[in-house]
Protein backbone atom coordinates (compact mmCIF):
# COMPACT_ATOMS: atom_id res chain seq x y z
CA UNK A 1 134.28 176.49 113.79
CA UNK A 2 131.65 177.12 111.14
CA UNK A 3 132.46 173.74 109.55
CA UNK A 4 130.00 173.91 106.68
CA UNK A 5 130.89 177.49 105.79
CA UNK A 6 134.68 177.12 105.87
CA UNK A 7 134.62 173.82 103.98
CA UNK A 8 132.37 175.30 101.29
CA UNK A 9 134.53 178.44 101.06
CA UNK A 10 137.80 176.56 100.70
CA UNK A 11 136.34 174.25 98.07
CA UNK A 12 134.95 177.27 96.20
CA UNK A 13 138.34 179.00 96.34
CA UNK A 14 140.15 175.81 95.37
CA UNK A 15 137.96 175.42 92.29
CA UNK A 16 138.69 178.99 91.25
CA UNK A 17 135.15 180.30 91.87
CA UNK A 18 134.10 183.52 93.59
CA UNK A 19 134.00 183.60 97.40
CA UNK A 20 134.03 186.06 100.29
CA UNK A 21 137.78 186.27 101.04
CA UNK A 22 137.40 188.67 103.98
CA UNK A 23 134.87 186.55 105.86
CA UNK A 24 136.67 183.31 105.07
CA UNK A 25 140.00 184.74 106.20
CA UNK A 26 138.40 185.91 109.42
CA UNK A 27 137.00 182.45 110.19
CA UNK A 28 140.34 180.77 109.36
CA UNK A 29 142.31 183.12 111.61
CA UNK A 30 140.07 182.25 114.54
CA UNK A 31 140.40 178.47 114.19
CA UNK A 32 142.00 176.43 116.98
CA UNK A 33 143.70 173.01 116.87
CA UNK A 34 140.38 171.19 117.20
CA UNK A 35 138.93 173.17 114.29
CA UNK A 36 141.86 172.25 112.05
CA UNK A 37 141.41 168.60 113.01
CA UNK A 38 137.77 168.83 112.01
CA UNK A 39 138.66 170.45 108.67
CA UNK A 40 141.15 167.69 107.95
CA UNK A 41 138.55 165.07 108.95
CA UNK A 42 136.14 166.26 106.26
CA UNK A 43 138.84 166.75 103.63
CA UNK A 44 140.00 163.20 104.29
CA UNK A 45 136.48 161.72 104.52
CA UNK A 46 135.68 163.15 101.07
CA UNK A 47 139.21 162.64 99.67
CA UNK A 48 139.45 166.26 98.55
CA UNK A 49 142.77 167.07 100.22
CA UNK A 50 144.13 168.72 97.07
CA UNK A 51 141.06 170.91 96.56
CA UNK A 52 140.94 172.12 100.17
CA UNK A 53 144.72 172.58 100.11
CA UNK A 54 144.41 174.70 96.97
CA UNK A 55 141.79 176.80 98.76
CA UNK A 56 144.17 177.36 101.68
CA UNK A 57 146.79 178.70 99.25
CA UNK A 58 144.52 181.71 98.77
CA UNK A 59 145.27 182.69 102.40
CA UNK A 60 149.08 182.78 102.67
CA UNK A 61 148.96 184.97 105.79
CA UNK A 62 146.95 182.43 107.80
CA UNK A 63 149.14 180.48 110.22
CA UNK A 64 148.24 176.83 109.77
CA UNK A 65 149.27 174.49 112.64
CA UNK A 66 152.38 172.55 111.69
CA UNK A 67 150.74 169.12 111.87
CA UNK A 68 147.79 170.22 109.69
CA UNK A 69 150.09 171.88 107.15
CA UNK A 70 152.22 168.72 106.97
CA UNK A 71 149.15 166.55 106.40
CA UNK A 72 148.00 168.66 103.46
CA UNK A 73 151.53 168.89 102.07
CA UNK A 74 151.99 165.12 102.18
CA UNK A 75 148.56 164.50 100.66
CA UNK A 76 149.26 166.89 97.78
CA UNK A 77 152.63 165.26 97.15
CA UNK A 78 150.94 161.84 96.96
CA UNK A 79 148.27 163.22 94.61
CA UNK A 80 150.90 164.59 92.23
CA UNK A 81 152.76 161.27 92.22
CA UNK A 82 149.49 159.43 91.63
CA UNK A 83 148.42 161.77 88.84
CA UNK A 84 151.56 161.43 86.71
CA UNK A 85 151.54 157.66 87.09
CA UNK A 86 147.89 157.45 85.99
CA UNK A 87 148.46 159.94 83.15
CA UNK A 88 151.21 157.69 81.78
CA UNK A 89 149.15 154.54 82.34
CA UNK A 90 145.92 155.85 80.78
CA UNK A 91 147.61 157.19 77.65
CA UNK A 92 149.54 153.91 77.36
CA UNK A 93 146.19 152.06 77.25
CA UNK A 94 144.56 154.42 74.75
CA UNK A 95 147.63 154.35 72.50
CA UNK A 96 147.62 150.55 72.66
CA UNK A 97 143.96 150.39 71.61
CA UNK A 98 144.42 153.06 68.91
CA UNK A 99 147.27 151.05 67.39
CA UNK A 100 144.82 148.15 67.00
CA UNK A 101 142.09 150.44 65.56
CA UNK A 102 139.82 149.90 68.57
CA UNK A 103 137.57 152.96 69.17
CA UNK A 104 137.51 154.01 72.82
CA UNK A 105 136.78 156.89 75.18
CA UNK A 106 138.44 157.88 78.45
CA UNK A 107 135.75 158.19 81.13
CA UNK A 108 136.28 160.63 84.01
CA UNK A 109 139.86 160.17 85.26
CA UNK A 110 142.61 162.28 83.75
CA UNK A 111 140.08 164.02 81.47
CA UNK A 112 138.47 165.57 84.56
CA UNK A 113 141.84 166.37 86.14
CA UNK A 114 142.56 168.54 83.10
CA UNK A 115 139.55 170.72 83.99
CA UNK A 116 140.79 171.61 87.48
CA UNK A 117 142.90 174.72 88.21
CA UNK A 118 145.83 172.34 88.79
CA UNK A 119 145.68 168.91 87.20
CA UNK A 120 147.33 167.16 90.17
CA UNK A 121 144.81 168.35 92.77
CA UNK A 122 142.17 165.70 92.00
CA UNK A 123 142.44 162.17 93.40
CA UNK A 124 142.89 159.33 90.88
CA UNK A 125 142.47 155.66 91.73
CA UNK A 126 142.26 153.95 88.35
CA UNK A 127 141.80 154.43 84.61
CA UNK A 128 138.33 154.02 83.09
CA UNK A 129 138.25 153.32 79.35
CA UNK A 130 134.99 152.75 77.47
CA UNK A 131 134.91 150.50 74.37
CA UNK A 132 131.29 150.68 73.19
CA UNK A 133 131.29 147.87 70.63
CA UNK A 134 131.18 144.40 72.21
CA UNK A 135 133.31 142.78 69.51
CA UNK A 136 135.92 145.52 69.90
CA UNK A 137 135.68 145.05 73.67
CA UNK A 138 136.44 141.32 73.36
CA UNK A 139 139.34 142.09 71.03
CA UNK A 140 140.65 144.69 73.50
CA UNK A 141 140.44 142.08 76.27
CA UNK A 142 142.62 139.67 74.28
CA UNK A 143 145.17 142.36 73.41
CA UNK A 144 145.45 143.56 77.01
CA UNK A 145 146.06 140.04 78.29
CA UNK A 146 148.70 139.51 75.59
CA UNK A 147 150.43 142.69 76.79
CA UNK A 148 150.70 141.46 80.37
CA UNK A 149 147.54 142.96 81.86
CA UNK A 150 146.27 140.66 84.61
CA UNK A 151 142.51 140.07 84.63
CA UNK A 152 140.97 140.76 88.04
CA UNK A 153 137.93 138.78 89.19
CA UNK A 154 135.00 140.24 91.08
CA UNK A 155 134.44 143.43 89.10
CA UNK A 156 131.10 144.92 88.06
CA UNK A 157 128.98 143.45 85.29
CA UNK A 158 129.48 146.52 83.05
CA UNK A 159 133.28 146.54 83.03
CA UNK A 160 136.26 144.24 83.47
CA UNK A 161 139.22 144.97 85.72
CA UNK A 162 142.90 144.53 84.92
CA UNK A 163 146.12 145.33 86.73
CA UNK A 164 149.41 146.16 85.07
CA UNK A 165 152.78 146.74 86.66
CA UNK A 166 154.15 150.10 85.56
CA UNK A 167 157.56 150.65 87.12
CA UNK A 168 157.16 150.23 90.88
CA UNK A 169 153.40 150.66 90.84
CA UNK A 170 150.53 148.30 90.04
CA UNK A 171 147.92 150.29 88.07
CA UNK A 172 144.25 149.38 87.76
CA UNK A 173 142.28 149.60 84.51
CA UNK A 174 138.50 149.33 84.32
CA UNK A 175 137.54 148.49 80.73
CA UNK A 176 133.87 149.36 80.17
CA UNK A 177 131.54 147.95 77.58
CA UNK A 178 128.76 150.31 78.72
CA UNK A 179 128.95 153.73 80.43
CA UNK A 180 127.32 152.71 83.73
CA UNK A 181 125.80 149.79 85.56
CA UNK A 182 122.35 148.51 84.60
CA UNK A 183 119.60 150.78 85.92
CA UNK A 184 116.78 149.13 87.86
CA UNK A 185 114.08 151.26 86.18
CA UNK A 186 113.24 149.67 82.81
CA UNK A 187 112.36 152.89 80.99
CA UNK A 188 115.53 154.64 82.19
CA UNK A 189 117.65 151.60 81.30
CA UNK A 190 116.14 151.48 77.81
CA UNK A 191 116.82 155.19 77.31
CA UNK A 192 120.47 154.88 78.41
CA UNK A 193 120.96 151.93 76.07
CA UNK A 194 119.48 153.92 73.17
CA UNK A 195 121.52 157.06 73.94
CA UNK A 196 124.90 155.37 74.08
CA UNK A 197 124.12 152.43 71.80
CA UNK A 198 123.15 154.74 68.96
CA UNK A 199 126.09 157.10 69.40
CA UNK A 200 128.40 157.15 66.34
CA UNK A 201 132.08 157.13 67.18
CA UNK A 202 133.00 160.80 66.91
CA UNK A 203 134.97 161.52 70.08
CA UNK A 204 135.68 164.91 71.47
CA UNK A 205 139.30 165.40 72.53
CA UNK A 206 140.72 166.68 75.78
CA UNK A 207 144.23 168.07 76.22
CA UNK A 208 145.82 166.59 79.34
CA UNK A 209 149.36 167.81 80.10
CA UNK A 210 149.86 168.37 76.40
CA UNK A 211 148.50 164.95 75.39
CA UNK A 212 145.21 164.61 73.49
CA UNK A 213 142.88 161.87 74.76
CA UNK A 214 139.51 160.77 73.29
CA UNK A 215 136.46 161.57 75.43
CA UNK A 216 132.70 161.42 74.96
CA UNK A 217 130.99 164.34 73.19
CA UNK A 218 129.98 167.05 75.70
CA UNK A 219 126.32 166.09 76.26
CA UNK A 220 127.14 162.41 76.64
CA UNK A 221 130.16 163.22 78.84
CA UNK A 222 127.94 165.25 81.18
CA UNK A 223 125.24 162.59 81.25
CA UNK A 224 127.75 159.85 82.04
CA UNK A 225 129.00 161.88 85.03
CA UNK A 226 125.42 162.13 86.25
CA UNK A 227 124.84 158.39 85.78
CA UNK A 228 128.05 157.73 87.72
CA UNK A 229 126.78 159.83 90.61
CA UNK A 230 123.41 158.07 90.47
CA UNK A 231 125.11 154.68 90.47
CA UNK A 232 126.83 155.48 93.79
CA UNK A 233 123.85 157.34 95.24
CA UNK A 234 121.52 154.32 95.05
CA UNK A 235 124.10 152.21 96.92
CA UNK A 236 126.37 153.74 99.59
CA UNK A 237 126.14 157.34 98.38
CA UNK A 238 128.79 159.71 97.03
CA UNK A 239 130.89 162.51 98.47
CA UNK A 240 131.94 166.05 97.67
CA UNK A 241 134.60 164.92 95.19
CA UNK A 242 131.97 163.96 92.59
CA UNK A 243 130.25 167.31 93.08
CA UNK A 244 133.59 169.05 92.48
CA UNK A 245 133.90 167.06 89.23
CA UNK A 246 130.39 168.16 88.23
CA UNK A 247 131.23 171.80 88.96
CA UNK A 248 134.49 171.93 87.01
CA UNK A 249 132.96 170.11 84.04
CA UNK A 250 130.19 172.68 83.61
CA UNK A 251 132.56 175.56 84.17
CA UNK A 252 135.00 174.30 81.54
CA UNK A 253 132.76 172.49 79.07
CA UNK A 254 129.24 173.77 79.71
CA UNK A 255 129.17 176.00 76.64
CA UNK A 256 129.66 172.93 74.42
CA UNK A 257 126.68 171.01 75.80
CA UNK A 258 123.49 171.47 73.71
CA UNK A 259 120.89 172.33 76.36
CA UNK A 260 117.94 170.76 74.55
CA UNK A 261 119.78 167.49 73.99
CA UNK A 262 120.90 167.26 77.61
CA UNK A 263 117.40 168.08 78.88
CA UNK A 264 115.98 165.38 76.60
CA UNK A 265 118.34 162.83 78.19
CA UNK A 266 117.15 163.86 81.65
CA UNK A 267 113.49 163.68 80.63
CA UNK A 268 113.82 160.26 79.00
CA UNK A 269 115.47 158.78 82.10
CA UNK A 270 113.45 160.58 84.77
CA UNK A 271 116.53 162.28 86.20
CA UNK A 272 115.51 165.95 85.98
CA UNK A 273 115.17 166.19 89.78
CA UNK A 274 118.49 164.53 90.47
CA UNK A 275 120.34 166.70 87.94
CA UNK A 276 118.66 169.89 89.22
CA UNK A 277 119.48 169.05 92.85
CA UNK A 278 123.18 168.21 92.44
CA UNK A 279 123.65 171.27 90.24
CA UNK A 280 121.88 173.59 92.67
CA UNK A 281 124.11 172.27 95.47
CA UNK A 282 127.14 173.20 93.36
CA UNK A 283 125.71 176.69 92.88
CA UNK A 284 124.83 177.13 96.57
CA UNK A 285 127.94 175.58 98.11
CA UNK A 286 130.74 175.60 95.51
CA UNK A 287 130.25 178.91 93.75
CA UNK A 288 129.26 177.44 90.36
CA UNK A 289 127.97 180.33 88.23
CA UNK A 290 124.46 179.81 86.85
CA UNK A 291 125.60 181.09 83.47
CA UNK A 292 127.49 177.80 82.96
CA UNK A 293 124.31 175.72 83.38
CA UNK A 294 121.70 177.46 81.26
CA UNK A 295 119.80 174.17 80.85
CA UNK A 296 118.86 174.43 84.54
CA UNK A 297 116.23 177.00 83.59
CA UNK A 298 114.42 174.28 81.63
CA UNK A 299 113.49 172.48 84.88
CA UNK A 300 110.98 173.78 87.42
CA UNK A 301 113.23 173.82 90.47
CA UNK A 302 110.42 174.66 92.89
CA UNK A 303 109.49 170.98 92.89
CA UNK A 304 112.94 169.95 94.12
CA UNK A 305 114.05 172.89 96.31
CA UNK A 306 113.66 170.88 99.52
CA UNK A 307 115.90 168.15 98.20
CA UNK A 308 119.05 170.31 98.05
CA UNK A 309 119.52 170.55 101.83
CA UNK A 310 118.53 166.90 102.27
CA UNK A 311 121.03 165.65 99.69
CA UNK A 312 123.79 168.00 100.84
CA UNK A 313 123.44 166.64 104.39
CA UNK A 314 123.44 163.08 103.05
CA UNK A 315 126.64 163.81 101.12
CA UNK A 316 128.49 165.67 103.91
CA UNK A 317 127.98 163.01 106.57
CA UNK A 318 128.20 160.02 104.23
CA UNK A 319 131.57 161.01 102.79
CA UNK A 320 133.28 159.33 99.85
CA UNK A 321 131.05 156.39 98.89
CA UNK A 322 129.34 156.23 102.28
CA UNK A 323 132.49 155.71 104.36
CA UNK A 324 131.31 158.16 106.99
CA UNK A 325 128.38 156.00 108.14
CA UNK A 326 128.70 152.30 108.94
CA UNK A 327 125.10 151.51 107.97
CA UNK A 328 125.39 152.96 104.44
CA UNK A 329 124.99 150.07 102.00
CA UNK A 330 121.92 150.66 99.83
CA UNK A 331 118.80 152.72 99.32
CA UNK A 332 115.24 151.48 98.91
CA UNK A 333 113.76 152.15 95.49
CA UNK A 334 110.52 154.15 95.25
CA UNK A 335 107.58 152.06 96.39
CA UNK A 336 109.64 148.90 96.99
CA UNK A 337 109.07 146.79 100.07
CA UNK A 338 111.96 145.98 102.40
CA UNK A 339 112.02 142.42 101.04
CA UNK A 340 112.08 143.45 97.37
CA UNK A 341 114.79 146.05 98.00
CA UNK A 342 116.95 143.57 99.93
CA UNK A 343 116.55 140.93 97.22
CA UNK A 344 117.55 143.52 94.60
CA UNK A 345 120.63 144.47 96.65
CA UNK A 346 121.65 140.82 97.08
CA UNK A 347 121.18 140.14 93.36
CA UNK A 348 123.29 143.18 92.45
CA UNK A 349 126.04 142.09 94.86
CA UNK A 350 125.89 138.53 93.45
CA UNK A 351 126.50 139.79 89.90
CA UNK A 352 129.37 141.91 91.17
CA UNK A 353 131.01 139.04 93.10
CA UNK A 354 130.32 136.23 90.59
CA UNK A 355 130.30 137.91 87.14
CA UNK A 356 130.82 134.68 85.18
CA UNK A 357 128.89 132.16 87.27
CA UNK A 358 125.81 134.42 87.45
CA UNK A 359 125.28 133.96 83.71
CA UNK A 360 123.95 130.46 84.51
CA UNK A 361 120.48 131.18 85.94
CA UNK A 362 119.98 127.79 87.70
CA UNK A 363 122.97 128.68 89.90
CA UNK A 364 121.37 131.86 91.24
CA UNK A 365 119.91 130.40 94.49
CA UNK A 366 123.32 128.98 95.45
CA UNK A 367 125.10 132.24 94.50
CA UNK A 368 122.57 134.29 96.49
CA UNK A 369 123.32 132.12 99.54
CA UNK A 370 127.06 132.56 99.02
CA UNK A 371 126.62 136.32 98.62
CA UNK A 372 124.62 136.63 101.85
CA UNK A 373 127.17 134.49 103.73
CA UNK A 374 130.06 136.67 102.49
CA UNK A 375 128.08 139.82 103.37
CA UNK A 376 127.47 138.68 106.95
CA UNK A 377 131.11 137.64 107.39
CA UNK A 378 132.44 140.94 105.99
CA UNK A 379 129.91 142.91 108.02
CA UNK A 380 131.37 141.50 111.24
CA UNK A 381 134.99 141.80 110.06
CA UNK A 382 134.64 145.41 108.86
CA UNK A 383 132.43 146.44 111.78
CA UNK A 384 129.67 147.66 109.48
CA UNK A 385 126.22 148.47 110.88
CA UNK A 386 123.78 145.85 112.09
CA UNK A 387 121.22 144.63 109.55
CA UNK A 388 118.47 146.62 111.27
CA UNK A 389 120.56 149.80 111.08
CA UNK A 390 121.25 149.21 107.39
CA UNK A 391 117.51 148.87 106.68
CA UNK A 392 116.75 151.97 108.76
CA UNK A 393 119.38 153.98 106.82
CA UNK A 394 118.05 152.71 103.49
CA UNK A 395 114.48 153.73 104.34
CA UNK A 396 115.64 157.17 105.49
CA UNK A 397 117.52 157.75 102.22
CA UNK A 398 114.51 156.54 100.23
CA UNK A 399 112.87 159.87 101.08
CA UNK A 400 115.49 161.56 98.89
CA UNK A 401 114.53 159.38 95.92
CA UNK A 402 110.91 160.40 96.36
CA UNK A 403 111.74 164.07 96.88
CA UNK A 404 113.82 164.20 93.67
CA UNK A 405 111.25 162.03 91.82
CA UNK A 406 114.01 159.84 90.45
CA UNK A 407 112.65 157.57 87.70
CA UNK A 408 109.24 159.06 88.11
């Protein structure tokens, strides 16, 4: 089977973009049981069952093996169940905060689902709500706890986690006080702080199943999606699902993004190469029309052309958040030694695992030791790669950082 071609074609069809139906139908009709297993493997690895399944709906005459058809049917049923639960949960949270006059934005989540051809076809795991003012954030924390939300320890240093029982399901909320994790590059971190810290509360709105939810203005929405991809890229990596999100956003909302403003955000953070590369992959592999991303012409793509194939390969084999490769855990920053990069990774993991204790600097050496001990224990339990393999993988992926000139 032409794995790359058929996967790209079904994603393109599932997203409602233009594709070669005759060629794709011909490849599908010639697939055997092993080929269908391989297609399912990649759909599952990237958690895009609903998108690939939607693509298959464009070929009703193709006889899909019964076991493959049942897998996609069951996955789509679970996605629909998941979507309506998270729709109810997310709007419950935003209504709760609105009633207390706490300004907030919905990040990603149901707002992105609304941009897909069918809202239920995108996987949802939690609700992300951004409260930009720290005092409002602390007030929101108190209100949530009073309403029975259970605080979860061990979350990232830029958001808090809470669970809430809704009917038979326990739903997860990530309450953000900033749009992404802290960026290691000082200039980029300063720029992100200025962009979102100086943003007046004037939310755009998104209609989701007839309900209006507050979201970031278009340029800041787009930039937050890019920062989210970057956040995963510099650790385990990200999969095709985030690229699908990027594609549907620009198709549905691209006309509302001021090109000069968005380009200025990329320039200030040193992310022109990263933005150009992920967007070009969407054009090459997912049928995104260039007319939706006019800002792309403001970047000299010749500098980054090589990076598209490199990053696409990294994404395909890494899967959703690096699950496809055992040794995927981090990436070395440009010019950093192995020691510096490992120390940075340990420090980041320490802040993630001990968000309160890490505020006391004298405790850092002890917390670093605890973090390393937990890492080694989990590495054996989860059968992750050996330390040498992790370092080798990180050095290999560092070439992508250099090729895309991230932060520089």
